[in-house]
Each structure stands twice: as structure tokens, then as C-alpha cells.
């Protein structure tokens, strides 16, 4: 009887994200991930080459939310208002950074994972996962074997050449610049506006909000930094401040 592999892989990924987000990669164990996923520890290695490959896949899953938000922004070019479009993006990016920051501390000290990110590993991981068949044939055909993993992840196949100047961690920044350029061509952002710096200010503000909430806690952030906890409320004030003077009235 054919075994369906994808639901188990999805459970493992969800459990890995939860455990890594709560404990960090150095303290997370495959035993705890397997327990949270409701599978045996050995089952993890039918889908991931090793713990590092599983972490890389979890990171790829989290970064997919940012790519989805950026794609939605590009689709909104010329529609609604620039301010409204960016407020929606900013709220999503605050949530994204809130998930990403606890996971990326160990990445900054891991040269292999840094190289994986620079080679556009998360996007490649998503493409590889989507290309896989949804099930497994009889006699184990199509089953993942030990030693296979995500493109470029340690223990997995090579990622190939880096994705270029806009790959990996720079992708979101470049995508936001592309949206701002499109709106500028449409006359909805003033000529001469420093678009790369507007993008940096917006994404940097979102990351700072997530960072402060994570480290200091919402009460301290509200009292000391005088910033609201709500991503929507923060985004609604951040975006007009950044766009001030750059959008025709």
C-alpha cells in the first residue's frame, strides 16, 4: 500500500519551526522535534539528511511568508494607495521577522548556513519541495534516502552558483525597491526619492520592532521606546513617516 510522505514531512517541518523558535538551533534536539511531530526520531532522516538540513528547511519555510508578502505587494502596484500597500507589507514583515529572528542567531555564526542563504537556499528549498511527488510508490520508490537534502544545505546536494546580486537575504530588499520603482514610474512616488533607502528604512523599522518586542517585551517597548505592540498599529505610523515628502499629495 502506498505511503503518503508529504503530510509527515509537513508535520516534521512545523515541529522543527516550533522547537527551533523556542529553543534555538543549538538547544533544539531531533528527539524533541520528532516527539512534537508525533513521529519516531528515525523517521526524520527519511526526509532530511541531518539536523542541519532540517533547520535549513525550517528556515526556508519561514522565509516563504516574506516572499508571499512581497509577491502580493508587487501585485498591488498601481492599486489602492502606496501608503496602504506598504502598511500591509510592513505588518506582515514584522510578523516574519518575529519568527525569523529567534532562528537566525545561530545562522550568523555558521559559515555553511550563511553560504546556503547567499546561494538563495530558502527559495531553492521551496522549489524542490513543490517539485516532489505528493506520495510514494510501493516498495519505497521515491523515498528520500539518507544523504539527500535541500539544495546547498549541509548534507544536501550542491546549490550551484549563487543566485546573483538579488538572491538570498537581499531578495526582499530588492523586491521592495522594484515595487517602489514601479510606483515611481506610475507617478505615485516623486522623482528623486531615494528608493533603496526608503526600502531600508521600512524593512529596518520592521526588524527593529520585532527585535525590541522579542528582547524587551511589549510592555517595556510601549513604555520606553513609545512604540505599540500591534504590528498593524506600528506599521500605520511607520510608513507615513518614511514616505513623508516622497508621495504626491
Protein backbone atom coordinates (compact mmCIF):
# COMPACT_ATOMS: atom_id res chain seq x y z
CA UNK A 1 0.00 0.00 0.00
CA UNK A 2 1.38 3.42 -0.96
CA UNK A 3 2.51 5.61 1.89
CA UNK A 4 1.86 9.34 1.77
CA UNK A 5 5.06 11.14 2.69
CA UNK A 6 4.25 14.83 2.43
CA UNK A 7 1.93 15.11 5.46
CA UNK A 8 4.66 13.59 7.66
CA UNK A 9 7.25 15.95 6.18
CA UNK A 10 4.92 18.88 6.84
CA UNK A 11 4.42 17.78 10.46
CA UNK A 12 8.16 17.48 10.95
CA UNK A 13 8.77 20.93 9.49
CA UNK A 14 6.07 22.53 11.66
CA UNK A 15 7.50 20.85 14.74
CA UNK A 16 11.04 21.91 13.84
CA UNK A 17 9.98 25.54 13.43
CA UNK A 18 8.23 25.48 16.79
CA UNK A 19 11.13 23.85 18.65
CA UNK A 20 13.88 25.92 17.00
CA UNK A 21 11.95 29.14 17.54
CA UNK A 22 11.51 28.29 21.22
CA UNK A 23 14.96 26.90 21.99
CA UNK A 24 17.32 27.99 19.22
CA UNK A 25 19.13 25.62 16.91
CA UNK A 26 21.88 24.74 19.39
CA UNK A 27 19.44 23.59 22.07
CA UNK A 28 16.86 22.03 19.74
CA UNK A 29 17.08 18.26 19.52
CA UNK A 30 15.81 15.87 16.90
CA UNK A 31 14.23 13.85 19.71
CA UNK A 32 12.06 16.80 20.76
CA UNK A 33 11.22 17.66 17.16
CA UNK A 34 10.15 14.08 16.50
CA UNK A 35 8.07 13.99 19.68
CA UNK A 36 6.29 17.23 18.76
CA UNK A 37 5.66 15.91 15.25
CA UNK A 38 4.31 12.61 16.58
CA UNK A 39 6.82 10.51 14.64
CA UNK A 40 9.83 8.39 15.52
CA UNK A 41 13.21 10.10 15.59
CA UNK A 42 14.44 7.81 12.83
CA UNK A 43 11.61 8.99 10.56
CA UNK A 44 13.21 12.43 10.38
CA UNK A 45 16.02 11.00 8.28
CA UNK A 46 13.64 9.68 5.65
CA UNK A 47 13.02 13.32 4.77
CA UNK A 48 16.13 15.23 5.86
CA UNK A 49 19.79 14.28 5.69
CA UNK A 50 20.63 15.60 9.15
CA UNK A 51 19.68 18.15 11.77
CA UNK A 52 21.29 20.99 9.82
CA UNK A 53 19.34 20.14 6.69
CA UNK A 54 16.15 20.09 8.75
CA UNK A 55 16.99 23.53 10.18
CA UNK A 56 17.65 24.82 6.68
CA UNK A 57 14.27 23.53 5.52
CA UNK A 58 12.55 25.14 8.51
CA UNK A 59 14.21 28.45 7.67
CA UNK A 60 13.09 28.08 4.06
CA UNK A 61 9.52 27.51 5.24
CA UNK A 62 9.57 30.67 7.35
CA UNK A 63 11.10 32.84 4.63
CA UNK A 64 8.36 31.73 2.24
CA UNK A 65 5.97 34.01 4.15
CA UNK A 66 8.10 37.04 3.28
CA UNK A 67 8.26 36.06 -0.38
CA UNK A 68 4.46 35.70 -0.42
CA UNK A 69 4.06 39.15 1.13
CA UNK A 70 6.42 40.69 -1.42
CA UNK A 71 4.59 38.99 -4.29
CA UNK A 72 1.29 40.40 -3.00
CA UNK A 73 2.86 43.87 -2.86
CA UNK A 74 4.03 43.65 -6.47
CA UNK A 75 0.54 42.56 -7.48
CA UNK A 76 -0.87 45.69 -5.85
CA UNK A 77 1.23 48.08 -7.98
CA UNK A 78 -0.95 50.96 -9.16
CA UNK A 79 -3.87 49.85 -6.97
CA UNK A 80 -5.16 51.37 -3.75
CA UNK A 81 -2.60 53.74 -2.25
CA UNK A 82 1.16 53.37 -1.92
CA UNK A 83 0.85 54.04 1.78
CA UNK A 84 -1.85 51.41 2.27
CA UNK A 85 0.07 48.82 0.28
CA UNK A 86 3.22 49.41 2.33
CA UNK A 87 1.35 49.35 5.64
CA UNK A 88 0.04 45.87 4.81
CA UNK A 89 3.52 44.73 3.81
CA UNK A 90 5.11 46.18 6.94
CA UNK A 91 2.68 44.39 9.26
CA UNK A 92 3.44 41.07 7.53
CA UNK A 93 7.19 41.71 7.66
CA UNK A 94 7.06 42.46 11.39
CA UNK A 95 5.46 39.07 11.94
CA UNK A 96 8.00 37.47 9.62
CA UNK A 97 10.94 38.97 11.50
CA UNK A 98 9.34 37.95 14.77
CA UNK A 99 9.52 34.33 13.60
CA UNK A 100 12.87 34.65 11.85
CA UNK A 101 14.97 36.42 14.48
CA UNK A 102 14.98 33.60 17.06
CA UNK A 103 16.08 31.22 14.32
CA UNK A 104 18.81 33.31 12.73
CA UNK A 105 21.10 33.90 15.71
CA UNK A 106 22.92 30.59 15.19
CA UNK A 107 22.93 31.13 11.41
CA UNK A 108 25.15 34.19 11.80
CA UNK A 109 27.86 32.00 13.31
CA UNK A 110 27.52 29.12 10.84
CA UNK A 111 29.52 29.62 7.62
CA UNK A 112 27.75 26.74 5.86
CA UNK A 113 24.29 28.16 6.53
CA UNK A 114 25.45 31.66 5.58
CA UNK A 115 26.64 30.24 2.24
CA UNK A 116 23.31 28.44 1.84
CA UNK A 117 21.39 31.68 2.39
CA UNK A 118 23.61 33.61 -0.02
CA UNK A 119 23.00 30.94 -2.66
CA UNK A 120 19.23 31.52 -2.36
CA UNK A 121 18.81 28.31 -0.40
CA UNK A 122 15.33 29.03 1.04
CA UNK A 123 13.82 29.71 -2.40
CA UNK A 124 15.52 26.64 -3.85
CA UNK A 125 14.23 24.58 -0.94
CA UNK A 126 10.66 25.67 -1.62
CA UNK A 127 11.01 24.90 -5.32
CA UNK A 128 12.42 21.46 -4.54
CA UNK A 129 9.61 20.70 -2.10
CA UNK A 130 6.94 21.78 -4.59
CA UNK A 131 8.50 19.66 -7.32
CA UNK A 132 8.38 16.48 -5.23
CA UNK A 133 5.53 14.00 -5.85
CA UNK A 134 2.85 14.06 -3.18
CA UNK A 135 3.14 10.38 -2.41
CA UNK A 136 5.44 7.38 -2.51
CA UNK A 137 5.01 4.32 -4.69
CA UNK A 138 5.10 0.74 -3.44
CA UNK A 139 8.38 -0.86 -2.44
CA UNK A 140 9.69 2.52 -1.22
CA UNK A 141 10.14 4.06 -4.64
CA UNK A 142 10.60 7.78 -4.38
CA UNK A 143 11.50 7.66 -0.69
CA UNK A 144 14.12 10.12 0.48
CA UNK A 145 17.38 8.41 1.25
CA UNK A 146 19.94 9.32 3.90
CA UNK A 147 22.48 11.71 2.45
CA UNK A 148 19.92 13.66 0.42
CA UNK A 149 18.60 17.03 1.50
CA UNK A 150 17.92 20.54 0.35
CA UNK A 151 19.96 22.17 -2.39
CA UNK A 152 23.02 23.75 -0.85
CA UNK A 153 22.16 22.77 2.71
CA UNK A 154 24.89 20.92 4.60
CA UNK A 155 24.34 17.24 3.86
CA UNK A 156 22.29 18.02 0.76
CA UNK A 157 23.08 18.44 -2.94
CA UNK A 158 25.09 21.48 -4.09
CA UNK A 159 23.11 24.66 -4.66
CA UNK A 160 25.04 25.58 -7.78
CA UNK A 161 26.22 29.14 -8.39
CA UNK A 162 24.81 31.92 -6.19
CA UNK A 163 21.61 33.48 -7.44
CA UNK A 164 23.18 36.84 -8.15
CA UNK A 165 23.05 40.29 -6.62
CA UNK A 166 19.38 40.00 -5.61
CA UNK A 167 19.45 36.45 -4.23
CA UNK A 168 19.25 35.24 -0.66
CA UNK A 169 18.85 37.77 2.16
CA UNK A 170 18.90 40.74 -0.27
CA UNK A 171 15.91 39.43 -2.21
CA UNK A 172 13.26 41.14 -0.10
CA UNK A 173 15.06 44.48 -0.17
CA UNK A 174 15.48 44.27 -3.95
CA UNK A 175 11.82 43.30 -4.41
CA UNK A 176 10.68 46.28 -2.36
CA UNK A 177 12.88 48.62 -4.43
CA UNK A 178 11.29 47.12 -7.55
CA UNK A 179 7.81 47.91 -6.23
CA UNK A 180 8.80 51.49 -5.35
CA UNK A 181 10.33 51.95 -8.81
CA UNK A 182 7.12 50.74 -10.45
CA UNK A 183 5.05 53.17 -8.39
CA UNK A 184 7.52 55.96 -9.20
CA UNK A 185 7.10 55.29 -12.93
CA UNK A 186 3.35 55.49 -12.40
CA UNK A 187 3.77 58.93 -10.82
CA UNK A 188 2.73 57.77 -7.36
CA UNK A 189 6.18 58.40 -5.81
CA UNK A 190 8.09 61.61 -6.51
CA UNK A 191 11.09 61.59 -8.85
CA UNK A 192 14.36 61.73 -6.97
CA UNK A 193 13.07 59.82 -3.95
CA UNK A 194 15.94 57.68 -2.54
CA UNK A 195 14.18 54.37 -3.11
CA UNK A 196 16.88 52.00 -1.78
CA UNK A 197 16.98 53.99 1.44
CA UNK A 198 13.21 54.11 1.75
CA UNK A 199 13.21 50.31 1.42
CA UNK A 200 15.98 50.03 4.03
CA UNK A 201 14.14 52.32 6.43
CA UNK A 202 10.91 50.36 6.08
CA UNK A 203 12.40 46.88 6.45
CA UNK A 204 14.83 48.08 9.11
CA UNK A 205 11.98 49.57 11.11
CA UNK A 206 10.03 46.33 10.89
CA UNK A 207 13.03 44.32 12.03
CA UNK A 208 13.75 46.73 14.90
CA UNK A 209 10.16 46.44 16.13
CA UNK A 210 10.33 42.64 16.09
CA UNK A 211 13.76 42.72 17.76
CA UNK A 212 12.62 45.02 20.59
CA UNK A 213 9.42 43.07 21.23
CA UNK A 214 11.40 39.82 21.36
CA UNK A 215 14.16 41.06 23.67
CA UNK A 216 12.49 43.71 25.83
CA UNK A 217 8.84 42.63 25.78
CA UNK A 218 5.81 44.64 24.66
CA UNK A 219 5.27 46.48 27.95
CA UNK A 220 8.83 47.79 28.03
CA UNK A 221 8.72 48.72 24.35
CA UNK A 222 5.50 50.66 24.85
CA UNK A 223 6.83 52.45 27.95
CA UNK A 224 10.44 53.02 26.94
CA UNK A 225 10.50 53.15 23.14
CA UNK A 226 6.93 54.51 22.98
CA UNK A 227 6.03 52.06 20.23
CA UNK A 228 2.83 49.98 20.09
CA UNK A 229 2.94 46.20 20.29
CA UNK A 230 0.49 45.71 17.40
CA UNK A 231 2.23 45.23 14.03
CA UNK A 232 -0.68 46.96 12.26
CA UNK A 233 -0.59 49.96 14.58
CA UNK A 234 3.18 50.30 14.31
CA UNK A 235 3.10 49.93 10.50
CA UNK A 236 0.33 52.53 10.21
CA UNK A 237 2.62 55.15 11.79
CA UNK A 238 5.95 53.94 10.39
CA UNK A 239 5.01 54.07 6.70
CA UNK A 240 3.75 57.71 6.60
CA UNK A 241 6.90 58.80 8.45
CA UNK A 242 9.10 57.11 5.85
CA UNK A 243 7.09 58.34 2.86
CA UNK A 244 6.77 61.92 4.10
CA UNK A 245 7.61 64.28 1.23
CA UNK A 246 8.04 61.46 -1.28
CA UNK A 247 4.41 60.88 -2.27
CA UNK A 248 2.40 63.48 -4.20
CA UNK A 249 -0.48 64.88 -2.17
